Amino acid sequence: MPKFICLGSLTLAAFIVSFAGCSGGTDVELVPVSGTVTVDGKPTEGITVTLFRQSGEGKRLIPQGQTDAEGKFTTKVSPTESGAPVGQYAVLFERWTLPDGSPIPEGQTPADSGAVNQIPQRYTDPSTSPETVTIAADGADNLSFDLKLK
């Protein structure tokens, strides 16, 4: 996949997330959403988990989370609001690193540093991601995803 398409997707997602964060609060109820991501069975730090809305209210909100060293994540729709609206989602995954696999230096963006996404494209596109989830009114606090890179 050409680098400009990957970076374009990342830029679009960042714009949408920043636009949603400017609203001063959500107009739909948020429920707690958290879980774990493994890659070929191993917890992996630094994976961005994005819930891409397929049905329900609050389509302008894009819940995202980042995995920690244990592969655990919690979604947020803004820096101060955790959770996700009830609905059906395609689950997308990205992990941007330098080409050698090392982290992007502090203060640089993936575009500035020539970063590459370590996650296969099928997991980054809502039309091809094999992972979907339905978030119910009581939330989802034990989601589990095992991405296959091989």
Protein backbone atom coordinates (compact mmCIF):
# COMPACT_ATOMS: atom_id res chain seq x y z
CA MET A 1 0.00 0.00 0.00
CA PRO A 2 1.42 3.41 -0.90
CA LYS A 3 2.66 5.39 2.08
CA PHE A 4 0.53 8.44 1.22
CA ILE A 5 -2.71 6.42 1.51
CA CYS A 6 -1.77 5.06 4.97
CA LEU A 7 -0.74 8.49 6.19
CA GLY A 8 -3.89 10.00 4.65
CA SER A 9 -6.04 7.58 6.66
CA LEU A 10 -4.15 8.46 9.83
CA THR A 11 -4.51 12.19 9.13
CA LEU A 12 -8.25 11.84 8.49
CA ALA A 13 -8.74 9.89 11.73
CA ALA A 14 -6.75 12.48 13.70
CA PHE A 15 -8.85 15.29 12.21
CA ILE A 16 -12.12 13.55 13.05
CA VAL A 17 -10.98 12.79 16.60
CA SER A 18 -9.83 16.38 17.14
CA PHE A 19 -13.11 17.72 15.71
CA ALA A 20 -15.12 15.49 18.04
CA GLY A 21 -13.02 16.68 20.97
CA CYS A 22 -13.89 20.33 20.22
CA SER A 23 -17.60 19.86 20.83
CA GLY A 24 -17.31 20.43 24.58
CA GLY A 25 -18.91 17.09 25.41
CA THR A 26 -20.82 14.31 23.78
CA ASP A 27 -24.51 14.36 23.07
CA VAL A 28 -24.88 10.57 23.34
CA GLU A 29 -24.39 8.27 26.30
CA LEU A 30 -20.98 6.60 26.53
CA VAL A 31 -20.49 3.14 28.02
CA PRO A 32 -17.18 1.65 29.22
CA VAL A 33 -15.14 -0.25 26.62
CA SER A 34 -11.81 -1.97 27.28
CA GLY A 35 -9.98 -5.12 26.39
CA THR A 36 -6.75 -6.78 25.32
CA VAL A 37 -4.92 -7.06 22.00
CA THR A 38 -2.32 -9.71 21.28
CA VAL A 39 -0.27 -10.22 18.15
CA ASP A 40 0.27 -13.89 17.32
CA GLY A 41 -0.66 -14.63 20.94
CA LYS A 42 1.68 -12.07 22.56
CA PRO A 43 0.65 -8.77 24.21
CA THR A 44 1.95 -5.83 22.18
CA GLU A 45 2.39 -2.26 23.35
CA GLY A 46 1.59 0.73 21.15
CA ILE A 47 -1.29 -0.59 19.07
CA THR A 48 -4.00 1.97 18.37
CA VAL A 49 -7.45 0.37 18.56
CA THR A 50 -10.16 2.30 16.70
CA LEU A 51 -13.87 1.51 16.78
CA PHE A 52 -15.34 2.49 13.39
CA ARG A 53 -19.10 2.97 13.73
CA GLN A 54 -21.35 0.83 11.53
CA SER A 55 -24.70 1.51 13.25
CA GLY A 56 -26.22 3.48 16.10
CA GLU A 57 -26.09 7.07 17.33
CA GLY A 58 -22.98 9.19 17.70
CA LYS A 59 -21.36 8.50 14.32
CA ARG A 60 -19.16 11.57 14.66
CA LEU A 61 -17.46 10.03 17.69
CA ILE A 62 -14.52 7.73 17.06
CA PRO A 63 -13.57 5.72 20.14
CA GLN A 64 -9.85 4.95 20.26
CA GLY A 65 -7.45 3.40 22.72
CA GLN A 66 -3.76 2.54 22.91
CA THR A 67 -2.41 -0.77 24.19
CA ASP A 68 0.00 -0.83 27.12
CA ALA A 69 2.81 -3.36 27.70
CA GLU A 70 0.23 -6.00 28.70
CA GLY A 71 -1.82 -5.38 25.53
CA LYS A 72 -4.63 -3.72 27.50
CA PHE A 73 -6.59 -0.73 26.20
CA THR A 74 -9.50 1.52 27.19
CA THR A 75 -11.33 3.59 24.58
CA LYS A 76 -11.81 7.35 24.70
CA VAL A 77 -13.74 9.71 22.44
CA SER A 78 -11.79 12.76 23.66
CA PRO A 79 -8.94 13.39 26.08
CA THR A 80 -11.45 13.67 28.94
CA GLU A 81 -14.25 11.27 27.94
CA SER A 82 -13.81 7.48 28.12
CA GLY A 83 -16.04 4.88 26.54
CA ALA A 84 -18.04 4.49 23.35
CA PRO A 85 -21.64 4.91 22.24
CA VAL A 86 -23.77 1.77 22.01
CA GLY A 87 -23.69 0.25 18.51
CA GLN A 88 -21.94 -1.99 16.02
CA TYR A 89 -18.34 -1.32 15.04
CA ALA A 90 -15.59 -2.56 12.77
CA VAL A 91 -12.45 -2.73 14.91
CA LEU A 92 -9.31 -1.29 13.32
CA PHE A 93 -5.70 -1.62 14.46
CA GLU A 94 -2.51 0.34 13.70
CA ARG A 95 1.00 0.31 15.13
CA TRP A 96 3.30 2.93 13.67
CA THR A 97 7.06 2.48 14.13
CA LEU A 98 10.25 3.39 12.35
CA PRO A 99 11.09 0.93 9.55
CA ASP A 100 13.44 -0.98 11.90
CA GLY A 101 10.58 -1.49 14.40
CA SER A 102 11.80 1.08 16.93
CA PRO A 103 9.40 3.68 18.39
CA ILE A 104 8.77 7.01 16.71
CA PRO A 105 10.93 9.65 18.45
CA GLU A 106 9.16 11.92 20.92
CA GLY A 107 7.76 15.01 19.24
CA GLN A 108 7.66 13.49 15.74
CA THR A 109 4.65 12.27 13.78
CA PRO A 110 4.57 9.11 11.66
CA ALA A 111 4.74 11.29 8.53
CA ASP A 112 7.77 13.24 9.82
CA SER A 113 9.72 10.13 10.73
CA GLY A 114 9.00 7.90 7.73
CA ALA A 115 7.11 5.47 9.98
CA VAL A 116 5.43 2.32 8.72
CA ASN A 117 2.36 0.53 10.03
CA GLN A 118 3.40 -2.86 11.45
CA ILE A 119 -0.19 -4.19 11.27
CA PRO A 120 -1.41 -5.76 7.97
CA GLN A 121 -3.72 -3.59 5.88
CA ARG A 122 -6.71 -5.92 6.32
CA TYR A 123 -6.90 -4.76 9.98
CA THR A 124 -6.76 -1.03 9.12
CA ASP A 125 -9.73 -0.75 6.75
CA PRO A 126 -13.37 -0.91 7.96
CA SER A 127 -14.40 -2.79 4.81
CA THR A 128 -11.82 -5.58 5.28
CA SER A 129 -11.20 -5.83 9.03
CA PRO A 130 -12.12 -9.31 10.24
CA GLU A 131 -12.80 -7.89 13.72
CA THR A 132 -16.21 -6.50 14.63
CA VAL A 133 -17.90 -5.81 17.96
CA THR A 134 -21.33 -4.87 19.23
CA ILE A 135 -21.24 -2.54 22.22
CA ALA A 136 -24.35 -3.02 24.40
CA ALA A 137 -25.88 -0.62 26.92
CA ASP A 138 -23.85 -2.18 29.76
CA GLY A 139 -20.56 -1.66 27.88
CA ALA A 140 -17.83 -4.12 27.02
CA ASP A 141 -14.97 -4.47 29.48
CA ASN A 142 -13.41 -7.72 28.37
CA LEU A 143 -12.89 -7.51 24.61
CA SER A 144 -10.12 -9.72 23.26
CA PHE A 145 -8.43 -9.60 19.86
CA ASP A 146 -5.56 -11.76 18.58
CA LEU A 147 -4.09 -10.32 15.39
CA LYS A 148 -2.36 -12.74 13.03
CA LEU A 149 0.68 -11.26 11.29
CA LYS A 150 1.97 -14.49 9.81
